[in-house]
Amino acid sequence: MSRFNDGESGGPARLLEAIPGEKRVTVMLAAFEGWNDAGEAASDALKHLHSLWGAKRVAVIEPDDFYDFQFTRPEVRLTSTGGRKIKWPVTKIARASVPGTEIDVVLVHGIEPSYRWRAYTAELLAKAAELNVNYVLLVGALLADVPHSRPIPVTATCDDEELAERLGLEQSQYEGPVGIVGVLNELALLAGLPTVSLWAAVPHYVAQSPSPKAELALLNRIEDFLGVPLNTTDLVDDAQAWERGVNDLAAGDPEIASYVHQLEEAKDTAELPEATGESIAKEFERYLRRRGTEQP
């Protein structure tokens, strides 16, 4: 939808601006398994950041008031000592400081709750207030009519007028059923937290998880918004292997191959200007940021 330019230099505008008098900025990134997480791309993106930055758990939201355990069942796991332990579907809240920056992140990873969404969201926002969160970045993935062989589209929207203007984003025009991500977006804004939503479009004909190419696309947009280079080398290899696997699948089924070709033609026709200019510039800017971190 937008390249989120700063309007002057032509480079990408960062999501974060420090509050006057404060040196550090805290951004909450949240993803939820279930309806909002096609191919588990969103939750896998947050798991990648958790591992990359060595995030430490600081809080949880207990599940008893929010889940139907016949639908979202707890699981039994074997412990390192040979015992057995029940793993409950808690919402995990972890914190990390991004190395070499003045950015702290709060990573929220849970399963979309069954009940009392407003109470659940209120508890989550209370945790955000305790952790001095300044911005919220919501991460989701949906099934769409897009080809696996082209860059995965990631839509960025923002309903906060000041932040949307600064980043060059538009408000969401979606109408219809929403998941917990949509509810959190609205209530975070009501709580005064500037909020951006990122949604990756996962090809519906390969909807099973994992979806590393969609995960990588989300991480690239998170990288742009935070202005922080991310190490995604292993994921790039996984995404390429995934694409080759789907190519092989399509090659063995003429009907799928024909459908993919139709999607490719529609995509190339609709987004030719972006493919030849805007996306190339974004990739070059990303390359320069990563190269800068590798210099001695």
C-alpha atoms as a PDB file:
ATOM      1  CA  MET A   1       0.000   0.000   0.000  1.00  0.00           C
ATOM      2  CA  SER A   2       2.801   2.370   0.800  1.00  0.00           C
ATOM      3  CA  ARG A   3       6.510   2.633   1.071  1.00  0.00           C
ATOM      4  CA  PHE A   4       6.137   4.546   4.357  1.00  0.00           C
ATOM      5  CA  ASN A   5       8.479   7.335   3.167  1.00  0.00           C
ATOM      6  CA  ASP A   6       9.526  10.234   5.339  1.00  0.00           C
ATOM      7  CA  GLY A   7       8.624  12.619   2.505  1.00  0.00           C
ATOM      8  CA  GLU A   8      12.029  14.283   2.277  1.00  0.00           C
ATOM      9  CA  SER A   9      14.989  11.957   1.895  1.00  0.00           C
ATOM     10  CA  GLY A  10      13.081   9.253   0.042  1.00  0.00           C
ATOM     11  CA  GLY A  11      14.224   6.668   2.585  1.00  0.00           C
ATOM     12  CA  PRO A  12      11.916   4.591   4.758  1.00  0.00           C
ATOM     13  CA  ALA A  13      10.417   6.357   7.743  1.00  0.00           C
ATOM     14  CA  ARG A  14      10.897   4.546  11.028  1.00  0.00           C
ATOM     15  CA  LEU A  15       8.003   3.600  13.217  1.00  0.00           C
ATOM     16  CA  LEU A  16       9.772   4.792  16.355  1.00  0.00           C
ATOM     17  CA  GLU A  17      10.331   8.257  17.704  1.00  0.00           C
ATOM     18  CA  ALA A  18      11.599   8.734  21.237  1.00  0.00           C
ATOM     19  CA  ILE A  19       9.338  10.537  23.683  1.00  0.00           C
ATOM     20  CA  PRO A  20      10.876  13.892  24.654  1.00  0.00           C
ATOM     21  CA  GLY A  21      13.045  13.421  27.740  1.00  0.00           C
ATOM     22  CA  GLU A  22      13.380   9.666  27.303  1.00  0.00           C
ATOM     23  CA  LYS A  23      16.300   7.881  25.691  1.00  0.00           C
ATOM     24  CA  ARG A  24      14.734   4.501  24.973  1.00  0.00           C
ATOM     25  CA  VAL A  25      11.647   3.500  23.031  1.00  0.00           C
ATOM     26  CA  THR A  26       9.580   0.391  23.698  1.00  0.00           C
ATOM     27  CA  VAL A  27       7.515  -1.269  20.987  1.00  0.00           C
ATOM     28  CA  MET A  28       5.165  -4.191  21.526  1.00  0.00           C
ATOM     29  CA  LEU A  29       5.004  -6.783  18.738  1.00  0.00           C
ATOM     30  CA  ALA A  30       2.085  -9.185  18.969  1.00  0.00           C
ATOM     31  CA  ALA A  31       0.987 -12.246  16.998  1.00  0.00           C
ATOM     32  CA  PHE A  32      -1.668 -14.862  17.747  1.00  0.00           C
ATOM     33  CA  GLU A  33      -2.001 -18.413  16.502  1.00  0.00           C
ATOM     34  CA  GLY A  34      -5.267 -19.400  14.876  1.00  0.00           C
ATOM     35  CA  TRP A  35      -7.516 -17.404  12.550  1.00  0.00           C
ATOM     36  CA  ASN A  36      -5.037 -14.504  12.326  1.00  0.00           C
ATOM     37  CA  ASP A  37      -2.027 -16.678  11.468  1.00  0.00           C
ATOM     38  CA  ALA A  38      -2.187 -18.339   8.040  1.00  0.00           C
ATOM     39  CA  GLY A  39       0.683 -20.760   7.598  1.00  0.00           C
ATOM     40  CA  GLU A  40       1.788 -19.771  11.121  1.00  0.00           C
ATOM     41  CA  ALA A  41       3.799 -17.034   9.410  1.00  0.00           C
ATOM     42  CA  ALA A  42       3.052 -14.354  12.008  1.00  0.00           C
ATOM     43  CA  SER A  43       3.745 -16.442  15.100  1.00  0.00           C
ATOM     44  CA  ASP A  44       6.878 -17.906  13.495  1.00  0.00           C
ATOM     45  CA  ALA A  45       8.126 -14.375  12.765  1.00  0.00           C
ATOM     46  CA  LEU A  46       7.833 -13.494  16.456  1.00  0.00           C
ATOM     47  CA  LYS A  47       9.542 -16.731  17.478  1.00  0.00           C
ATOM     48  CA  HIS A  48      12.421 -15.770  15.182  1.00  0.00           C
ATOM     49  CA  LEU A  49      12.744 -12.372  16.875  1.00  0.00           C
ATOM     50  CA  HIS A  50      12.516 -13.988  20.322  1.00  0.00           C
ATOM     51  CA  SER A  51      15.456 -16.233  19.496  1.00  0.00           C
ATOM     52  CA  LEU A  52      17.412 -13.539  17.644  1.00  0.00           C
ATOM     53  CA  TRP A  53      17.274 -11.037  20.495  1.00  0.00           C
ATOM     54  CA  GLY A  54      17.347 -13.492  23.402  1.00  0.00           C
ATOM     55  CA  ALA A  55      14.045 -12.278  24.830  1.00  0.00           C
ATOM     56  CA  LYS A  56      13.225 -13.201  28.426  1.00  0.00           C
ATOM     57  CA  ARG A  57       9.727 -13.919  29.664  1.00  0.00           C
ATOM     58  CA  VAL A  58       8.438 -11.206  31.974  1.00  0.00           C
ATOM     59  CA  ALA A  59       4.731 -12.044  32.268  1.00  0.00           C
ATOM     60  CA  VAL A  60       1.933 -14.331  31.116  1.00  0.00           C
ATOM     61  CA  ILE A  61      -1.821 -14.123  30.739  1.00  0.00           C
ATOM     62  CA  GLU A  62      -3.295 -17.193  32.378  1.00  0.00           C
ATOM     63  CA  PRO A  63      -5.732 -19.137  30.180  1.00  0.00           C
ATOM     64  CA  ASP A  64      -8.541 -20.207  32.528  1.00  0.00           C
ATOM     65  CA  ASP A  65     -10.883 -17.277  31.851  1.00  0.00           C
ATOM     66  CA  PHE A  66     -10.283 -17.074  28.121  1.00  0.00           C
ATOM     67  CA  TYR A  67     -10.132 -20.532  26.520  1.00  0.00           C
ATOM     68  CA  ASP A  68     -12.378 -23.482  25.824  1.00  0.00           C
ATOM     69  CA  PHE A  69      -9.990 -26.306  26.700  1.00  0.00           C
ATOM     70  CA  GLN A  70     -12.024 -28.771  24.602  1.00  0.00           C
ATOM     71  CA  PHE A  71     -11.125 -26.615  21.589  1.00  0.00           C
ATOM     72  CA  THR A  72      -7.685 -25.341  22.624  1.00  0.00           C
ATOM     73  CA  ARG A  73      -6.461 -28.343  24.546  1.00  0.00           C
ATOM     74  CA  PRO A  74      -3.521 -28.304  26.951  1.00  0.00           C
ATOM     75  CA  GLU A  75      -0.728 -30.695  26.051  1.00  0.00           C
ATOM     76  CA  VAL A  76       1.298 -33.119  28.117  1.00  0.00           C
ATOM     77  CA  ARG A  77       5.078 -32.977  27.640  1.00  0.00           C
ATOM     78  CA  LEU A  78       7.949 -35.067  28.953  1.00  0.00           C
ATOM     79  CA  THR A  79      10.466 -33.175  31.071  1.00  0.00           C
ATOM     80  CA  SER A  80      14.255 -33.487  30.957  1.00  0.00           C
ATOM     81  CA  THR A  81      14.099 -35.605  34.119  1.00  0.00           C
ATOM     82  CA  GLY A  82      11.659 -38.078  32.572  1.00  0.00           C
ATOM     83  CA  GLY A  83       8.573 -36.710  34.286  1.00  0.00           C
ATOM     84  CA  ARG A  84       5.404 -35.389  32.688  1.00  0.00           C
ATOM     85  CA  LYS A  85       4.083 -31.839  32.736  1.00  0.00           C
ATOM     86  CA  ILE A  86       0.908 -30.228  31.431  1.00  0.00           C
ATOM     87  CA  LYS A  87       1.557 -27.290  29.095  1.00  0.00           C
ATOM     88  CA  TRP A  88      -1.317 -24.788  29.253  1.00  0.00           C
ATOM     89  CA  PRO A  89      -2.101 -22.296  26.456  1.00  0.00           C
ATOM     90  CA  VAL A  90      -0.799 -19.206  28.225  1.00  0.00           C
ATOM     91  CA  THR A  91      -0.093 -15.957  26.415  1.00  0.00           C
ATOM     92  CA  LYS A  92       3.633 -15.355  26.753  1.00  0.00           C
ATOM     93  CA  ILE A  93       5.031 -11.853  27.154  1.00  0.00           C
ATOM     94  CA  ALA A  94       8.793 -11.480  26.751  1.00  0.00           C
ATOM     95  CA  ARG A  95      11.134  -8.514  26.692  1.00  0.00           C
ATOM     96  CA  ALA A  96      14.450  -7.810  24.994  1.00  0.00           C
ATOM     97  CA  SER A  97      16.758  -4.916  24.227  1.00  0.00           C
ATOM     98  CA  VAL A  98      17.776  -4.750  20.577  1.00  0.00           C
ATOM     99  CA  PRO A  99      21.603  -4.780  20.518  1.00  0.00           C
ATOM    100  CA  GLY A 100      23.263  -1.567  19.388  1.00  0.00           C
ATOM    101  CA  THR A 101      20.058   0.473  19.570  1.00  0.00           C
ATOM    102  CA  GLU A 102      17.925   2.391  22.044  1.00  0.00           C
ATOM    103  CA  ILE A 103      14.969   0.113  21.305  1.00  0.00           C
ATOM    104  CA  ASP A 104      13.318  -2.300  23.708  1.00  0.00           C
ATOM    105  CA  VAL A 105      10.778  -4.792  22.414  1.00  0.00           C
ATOM    106  CA  VAL A 106       7.937  -6.594  24.146  1.00  0.00           C
ATOM    107  CA  LEU A 107       6.997  -9.768  22.286  1.00  0.00           C
ATOM    108  CA  VAL A 108       3.470 -11.108  22.781  1.00  0.00           C
ATOM    109  CA  HIS A 109       2.757 -14.618  21.540  1.00  0.00           C
ATOM    110  CA  GLY A 110      -0.468 -16.447  22.280  1.00  0.00           C
ATOM    111  CA  ILE A 111      -3.402 -18.342  20.814  1.00  0.00           C
ATOM    112  CA  GLU A 112      -6.525 -16.445  19.853  1.00  0.00           C
ATOM    113  CA  PRO A 113      -8.795 -16.758  22.914  1.00  0.00           C
ATOM    114  CA  SER A 114     -12.225 -18.369  22.894  1.00  0.00           C
ATOM    115  CA  TYR A 115     -13.984 -16.046  25.347  1.00  0.00           C
ATOM    116  CA  ARG A 116     -14.043 -12.515  26.790  1.00  0.00           C
ATOM    117  CA  TRP A 117     -11.936 -10.820  24.144  1.00  0.00           C
ATOM    118  CA  ARG A 118     -12.369  -7.346  25.624  1.00  0.00           C
ATOM    119  CA  ALA A 119     -11.273  -8.490  29.064  1.00  0.00           C
ATOM    120  CA  TYR A 120      -8.334 -10.365  27.535  1.00  0.00           C
ATOM    121  CA  THR A 121      -7.263  -7.306  25.556  1.00  0.00           C
ATOM    122  CA  ALA A 122      -7.644  -5.048  28.591  1.00  0.00           C
ATOM    123  CA  GLU A 123      -5.341  -7.338  30.591  1.00  0.00           C
ATOM    124  CA  LEU A 124      -2.818  -7.333  27.771  1.00  0.00           C
ATOM    125  CA  LEU A 125      -2.879  -3.537  27.531  1.00  0.00           C
ATOM    126  CA  ALA A 126      -2.438  -3.294  31.290  1.00  0.00           C
ATOM    127  CA  LYS A 127       0.747  -5.336  30.876  1.00  0.00           C
ATOM    128  CA  ALA A 128       1.804  -2.958  28.104  1.00  0.00           C
ATOM    129  CA  ALA A 129       1.353   0.015  30.437  1.00  0.00           C
ATOM    130  CA  GLU A 130       3.433  -1.684  33.145  1.00  0.00           C
ATOM    131  CA  LEU A 131       6.221  -2.239  30.588  1.00  0.00           C
ATOM    132  CA  ASN A 132       6.094   1.384  29.328  1.00  0.00           C
ATOM    133  CA  VAL A 133       5.148   0.430  25.769  1.00  0.00           C
ATOM    134  CA  ASN A 134       5.172   3.403  23.360  1.00  0.00           C
ATOM    135  CA  TYR A 135       4.061   1.730  20.125  1.00  0.00           C
ATOM    136  CA  VAL A 136       2.235  -1.434  19.083  1.00  0.00           C
ATOM    137  CA  LEU A 137       3.075  -3.428  15.954  1.00  0.00           C
ATOM    138  CA  LEU A 138       0.491  -6.141  15.229  1.00  0.00           C
ATOM    139  CA  VAL A 139       1.517  -9.016  12.975  1.00  0.00           C
ATOM    140  CA  GLY A 140      -0.899 -11.269  11.119  1.00  0.00           C
ATOM    141  CA  ALA A 141      -1.205 -13.491   8.055  1.00  0.00           C
ATOM    142  CA  LEU A 142      -4.203 -14.315   5.883  1.00  0.00           C
ATOM    143  CA  LEU A 143      -4.996 -16.632   2.979  1.00  0.00           C
ATOM    144  CA  ALA A 144      -5.246 -14.875  -0.376  1.00  0.00           C
ATOM    145  CA  ASP A 145      -5.217 -15.353  -4.154  1.00  0.00           C
ATOM    146  CA  VAL A 146      -1.518 -14.621  -4.596  1.00  0.00           C
ATOM    147  CA  PRO A 147       1.165 -16.651  -6.415  1.00  0.00           C
ATOM    148  CA  HIS A 148       3.869 -18.348  -4.379  1.00  0.00           C
ATOM    149  CA  SER A 149       6.465 -17.469  -7.037  1.00  0.00           C
ATOM    150  CA  ARG A 150       6.259 -13.707  -6.531  1.00  0.00           C
ATOM    151  CA  PRO A 151       7.175 -11.568  -3.507  1.00  0.00           C
ATOM    152  CA  ILE A 152       4.671 -12.133  -0.706  1.00  0.00           C
ATOM    153  CA  PRO A 153       2.539  -8.979  -0.304  1.00  0.00           C
ATOM    154  CA  VAL A 154       2.510  -7.434   3.169  1.00  0.00           C
ATOM    155  CA  THR A 155      -0.166  -4.819   3.784  1.00  0.00           C
ATOM    156  CA  ALA A 156       0.587  -2.131   6.371  1.00  0.00           C
ATOM    157  CA  THR A 157      -2.211   0.000   7.799  1.00  0.00           C
ATOM    158  CA  CYS A 158      -2.512   2.514  10.612  1.00  0.00           C
ATOM    159  CA  ASP A 159      -5.580   4.180  12.095  1.00  0.00           C
ATOM    160  CA  ASP A 160      -3.577   6.710  14.144  1.00  0.00           C
ATOM    161  CA  GLU A 161      -3.693   9.902  12.063  1.00  0.00           C
ATOM    162  CA  GLU A 162      -0.343  11.386  13.147  1.00  0.00           C
ATOM    163  CA  LEU A 163       1.585   8.146  12.770  1.00  0.00           C
ATOM    164  CA  ALA A 164      -0.149   7.260   9.495  1.00  0.00           C
ATOM    165  CA  GLU A 165       0.833  10.621   8.020  1.00  0.00           C
ATOM    166  CA  ARG A 166       4.434  10.272   9.173  1.00  0.00           C
ATOM    167  CA  LEU A 167       4.775   6.776   7.736  1.00  0.00           C
ATOM    168  CA  GLY A 168       2.719   7.427   4.611  1.00  0.00           C
ATOM    169  CA  LEU A 169       0.193   4.720   5.507  1.00  0.00           C
ATOM    170  CA  GLU A 170      -3.540   4.510   4.981  1.00  0.00           C
ATOM    171  CA  GLN A 171      -6.300   3.508   7.332  1.00  0.00           C
ATOM    172  CA  SER A 172      -7.684   0.036   6.840  1.00  0.00           C
ATOM    173  CA  GLN A 173     -10.773  -0.083   4.625  1.00  0.00           C
ATOM    174  CA  TYR A 174     -11.620  -3.660   5.599  1.00  0.00           C
ATOM    175  CA  GLU A 175     -15.163  -4.486   6.672  1.00  0.00           C
ATOM    176  CA  GLY A 176     -16.163  -7.906   7.926  1.00  0.00           C
ATOM    177  CA  PRO A 177     -15.314 -10.438  10.632  1.00  0.00           C
ATOM    178  CA  VAL A 178     -12.223  -9.715  12.709  1.00  0.00           C
ATOM    179  CA  GLY A 179      -9.922 -11.724  14.927  1.00  0.00           C
ATOM    180  CA  ILE A 180      -8.208 -10.812  18.159  1.00  0.00           C
ATOM    181  CA  VAL A 181      -5.649  -8.769  16.193  1.00  0.00           C
ATOM    182  CA  GLY A 182      -8.396  -6.424  14.982  1.00  0.00           C
ATOM    183  CA  VAL A 183      -9.829  -6.067  18.475  1.00  0.00           C
ATOM    184  CA  LEU A 184      -6.400  -5.327  19.955  1.00  0.00           C
ATOM    185  CA  ASN A 185      -5.773  -2.760  17.225  1.00  0.00           C
ATOM    186  CA  GLU A 186      -8.911  -0.792  18.111  1.00  0.00           C
ATOM    187  CA  LEU A 187      -8.498  -0.943  21.881  1.00  0.00           C
ATOM    188  CA  ALA A 188      -4.791  -0.069  21.744  1.00  0.00           C
ATOM    189  CA  LEU A 189      -5.663   3.065  19.797  1.00  0.00           C
ATOM    190  CA  LEU A 190      -8.369   3.925  22.329  1.00  0.00           C
ATOM    191  CA  ALA A 191      -5.715   3.522  25.031  1.00  0.00           C
ATOM    192  CA  GLY A 192      -3.545   6.099  23.269  1.00  0.00           C
ATOM    193  CA  LEU A 193      -0.981   3.681  21.831  1.00  0.00           C
ATOM    194  CA  PRO A 194      -0.025   4.395  18.195  1.00  0.00           C
ATOM    195  CA  THR A 195      -0.579   1.099  16.391  1.00  0.00           C
ATOM    196  CA  VAL A 196       0.423  -0.350  13.027  1.00  0.00           C
ATOM    197  CA  SER A 197      -0.906  -3.619  11.581  1.00  0.00           C
ATOM    198  CA  LEU A 198       1.096  -5.812   9.197  1.00  0.00           C
ATOM    199  CA  TRP A 199      -0.657  -8.582   7.255  1.00  0.00           C
ATOM    200  CA  ALA A 200       1.110 -11.055   4.975  1.00  0.00           C
ATOM    201  CA  ALA A 201      -0.881 -12.681   2.173  1.00  0.00           C
ATOM    202  CA  VAL A 202      -0.233 -16.431   2.123  1.00  0.00           C
ATOM    203  CA  PRO A 203      -1.087 -18.337  -1.090  1.00  0.00           C
ATOM    204  CA  HIS A 204      -4.266 -20.221  -0.231  1.00  0.00           C
ATOM    205  CA  TYR A 205      -3.310 -23.301  -2.267  1.00  0.00           C
ATOM    206  CA  VAL A 206      -0.285 -23.879  -0.001  1.00  0.00           C
ATOM    207  CA  ALA A 207      -1.846 -22.852   3.288  1.00  0.00           C
ATOM    208  CA  GLN A 208      -0.196 -25.477   5.482  1.00  0.00           C
ATOM    209  CA  SER A 209       2.542 -24.459   7.881  1.00  0.00           C
ATOM    210  CA  PRO A 210       5.292 -23.556   7.894  1.00  0.00           C
ATOM    211  CA  SER A 211       5.243 -20.713   5.386  1.00  0.00           C
ATOM    212  CA  PRO A 212       8.817 -19.389   5.513  1.00  0.00           C
ATOM    213  CA  LYS A 213       8.466 -17.044   2.559  1.00  0.00           C
ATOM    214  CA  ALA A 214       5.565 -15.215   4.248  1.00  0.00           C
ATOM    215  CA  GLU A 215       7.445 -15.222   7.548  1.00  0.00           C
ATOM    216  CA  LEU A 216      10.446 -13.652   5.814  1.00  0.00           C
ATOM    217  CA  ALA A 217       8.248 -11.013   4.176  1.00  0.00           C
ATOM    218  CA  LEU A 218       6.856 -10.020   7.581  1.00  0.00           C
ATOM    219  CA  LEU A 219      10.338  -9.839   9.101  1.00  0.00           C
ATOM    220  CA  ASN A 220      11.493  -7.623   6.243  1.00  0.00           C
ATOM    221  CA  ARG A 221       8.673  -5.170   6.937  1.00  0.00           C
ATOM    222  CA  ILE A 222       9.343  -5.264  10.667  1.00  0.00           C
ATOM    223  CA  GLU A 223      12.976  -4.523   9.846  1.00  0.00           C
ATOM    224  CA  ASP A 224      11.918  -1.504   7.796  1.00  0.00           C
ATOM    225  CA  PHE A 225       9.603  -0.111  10.455  1.00  0.00           C
ATOM    226  CA  LEU A 226      12.068  -0.504  13.320  1.00  0.00           C
ATOM    227  CA  GLY A 227      15.065   0.576  11.243  1.00  0.00           C
ATOM    228  CA  VAL A 228      16.980  -2.396  12.642  1.00  0.00           C
ATOM    229  CA  PRO A 229      18.759  -4.953  10.400  1.00  0.00           C
ATOM    230  CA  LEU A 230      17.687  -8.531  11.103  1.00  0.00           C
ATOM    231  CA  ASN A 231      19.682 -11.686  10.526  1.00  0.00           C
ATOM    232  CA  THR A 232      17.420 -13.796   8.298  1.00  0.00           C
ATOM    233  CA  THR A 233      20.044 -15.733   6.313  1.00  0.00           C
ATOM    234  CA  ASP A 234      18.775 -19.185   7.338  1.00  0.00           C
ATOM    235  CA  LEU A 235      15.193 -18.154   6.667  1.00  0.00           C
ATOM    236  CA  VAL A 236      16.090 -16.977   3.160  1.00  0.00           C
ATOM    237  CA  ASP A 237      17.351 -20.497   2.424  1.00  0.00           C
ATOM    238  CA  ASP A 238      14.166 -22.005   3.891  1.00  0.00           C
ATOM    239  CA  ALA A 239      11.994 -19.685   1.782  1.00  0.00           C
ATOM    240  CA  GLN A 240      13.835 -20.639  -1.391  1.00  0.00           C
ATOM    241  CA  ALA A 241      13.526 -24.344  -0.589  1.00  0.00           C
ATOM    242  CA  TRP A 242       9.799 -23.857   0.120  1.00  0.00           C
ATOM    243  CA  GLU A 243       9.291 -22.135  -3.229  1.00  0.00           C
ATOM    244  CA  ARG A 244      11.145 -24.899  -5.079  1.00  0.00           C
ATOM    245  CA  GLY A 245       8.945 -27.471  -3.348  1.00  0.00           C
ATOM    246  CA  VAL A 246       5.756 -25.698  -4.428  1.00  0.00           C
ATOM    247  CA  ASN A 247       7.147 -25.387  -7.972  1.00  0.00           C
ATOM    248  CA  ASP A 248       7.600 -29.156  -8.028  1.00  0.00           C
ATOM    249  CA  LEU A 249       4.061 -29.640  -6.739  1.00  0.00           C
ATOM    250  CA  ALA A 250       2.626 -27.370  -9.433  1.00  0.00           C
ATOM    251  CA  ALA A 251       4.684 -29.039 -12.141  1.00  0.00           C
ATOM    252  CA  GLY A 252       3.039 -32.350 -11.325  1.00  0.00           C
ATOM    253  CA  ASP A 253      -0.527 -30.986 -11.514  1.00  0.00           C
ATOM    254  CA  PRO A 254      -1.541 -29.163 -14.732  1.00  0.00           C
ATOM    255  CA  GLU A 255      -4.602 -27.622 -13.072  1.00  0.00           C
ATOM    256  CA  ILE A 256      -2.537 -26.064 -10.280  1.00  0.00           C
ATOM    257  CA  ALA A 257       0.136 -24.963 -12.758  1.00  0.00           C
ATOM    258  CA  SER A 258      -2.482 -23.193 -14.895  1.00  0.00           C
ATOM    259  CA  TYR A 259      -3.997 -21.495 -11.853  1.00  0.00           C
ATOM    260  CA  VAL A 260      -0.581 -20.323 -10.625  1.00  0.00           C
ATOM    261  CA  HIS A 261       0.184 -18.918 -14.090  1.00  0.00           C
ATOM    262  CA  GLN A 262      -3.055 -16.913 -13.994  1.00  0.00           C
ATOM    263  CA  LEU A 263      -2.141 -15.505 -10.591  1.00  0.00           C
ATOM    264  CA  GLU A 264       1.349 -14.621 -11.817  1.00  0.00           C
ATOM    265  CA  GLU A 265      -0.016 -12.733 -14.820  1.00  0.00           C
ATOM    266  CA  ALA A 266      -2.488 -10.814 -12.678  1.00  0.00           C
ATOM    267  CA  LYS A 267       0.209  -9.956 -10.123  1.00  0.00           C
ATOM    268  CA  ASP A 268       2.742  -8.827 -12.725  1.00  0.00           C
ATOM    269  CA  THR A 269       0.207  -6.651 -14.529  1.00  0.00           C
ATOM    270  CA  ALA A 270      -1.130  -5.010 -11.379  1.00  0.00           C
ATOM    271  CA  GLU A 271       2.201  -4.291  -9.699  1.00  0.00           C
ATOM    272  CA  LEU A 272       4.657  -3.752 -12.532  1.00  0.00           C
ATOM    273  CA  PRO A 273       5.608  -0.190 -11.415  1.00  0.00           C
ATOM    274  CA  GLU A 274       6.388  -1.407  -7.888  1.00  0.00           C
ATOM    275  CA  ALA A 275       8.353  -4.402  -9.163  1.00  0.00           C
ATOM    276  CA  THR A 276      10.559  -2.229 -11.367  1.00  0.00           C
ATOM    277  CA  GLY A 277      11.133   0.693  -9.024  1.00  0.00           C
ATOM    278  CA  GLU A 278       9.786   0.849  -5.517  1.00  0.00           C
ATOM    279  CA  SER A 279      10.573  -2.700  -4.388  1.00  0.00           C
ATOM    280  CA  ILE A 280      14.076  -2.532  -5.873  1.00  0.00           C
ATOM    281  CA  ALA A 281      14.781   0.662  -3.938  1.00  0.00           C
ATOM    282  CA  LYS A 282      13.520  -0.913  -0.720  1.00  0.00           C
ATOM    283  CA  GLU A 283      15.717  -3.962  -1.164  1.00  0.00           C
ATOM    284  CA  PHE A 284      18.743  -1.754  -1.842  1.00  0.00           C
ATOM    285  CA  GLU A 285      18.083   0.274   1.325  1.00  0.00           C
ATOM    286  CA  ARG A 286      17.780  -2.963   3.302  1.00  0.00           C
ATOM    287  CA  TYR A 287      21.071  -4.197   1.832  1.00  0.00           C
ATOM    288  CA  LEU A 288      22.847  -0.985   2.832  1.00  0.00           C
ATOM    289  CA  ARG A 289      21.572  -1.222   6.416  1.00  0.00           C
ATOM    290  CA  ARG A 290      22.739  -4.821   6.744  1.00  0.00           C
ATOM    291  CA  ARG A 291      26.088  -4.046   5.131  1.00  0.00           C
ATOM    292  CA  GLY A 292      26.585  -1.189   7.578  1.00  0.00           C
ATOM    293  CA  THR A 293      26.277  -3.559  10.542  1.00  0.00           C
ATOM    294  CA  GLU A 294      28.913  -5.859   9.059  1.00  0.00           C
ATOM    295  CA  GLN A 295      31.571  -3.169   8.678  1.00  0.00           C
ATOM    296  CA  PRO A 296      34.403  -3.262  11.289  1.00  0.00           C
END
